[in-house]
Amino acid sequence: MWWNKEIIARLEAEPRLWFGGEGNDQDPRAQSEDLGDDAVAASEYGILNLQRIIGQLPAWNTEEANMYTNLNRMYDAVVSQYGRYMGHVAQNIGGRYITNKSVEQAGPKYAPVPREHQKKCLEFLNARVFTRPSWLVEQPYVFNL
């Protein structure tokens, strides 16, 4: 069918139209709750947002006689989101791209994540995980939770 080849040619000419496995196939380009095409940049912005809000959590979650329940839940949510950002980056290390193809398309279905990108991701994790994230764990209220 000529139109199938035409559609394939158009999709291959525009990489932004790539369609992944919706987070179900371990391709780091298609992760749930992931925005953009650069997990490191997206995670850096996300961490900046978390750093802005974490100090405000006590003021935003204080209720009379609540025994830190709300604050505990919100702090856990911040820690969980931080972990999600780290996971998005970590999946690129040793990862593979999966490009589903039709019978008309040549080339491999699987390709390793480019070496330089993996290196960038490892440097990010070294700075953000393997170096203690004091902004996250040294909040004065943490020991009350």
Foldseek 3Di string as FASTA:
>chain_A
DVVVVVVVVVCVVDVVNADDDCCPPLALCHHPPDDDRALLVVLVVVVVVLLVCLLVLCVVQDDPPPQCPRSVVVLVVSVVVNVVSLVSLVSLAQHWHAGDDDPVDDDDRIDHRDPVSNVVSVVSCCVCPVPDPCSSVVHPCPVSD
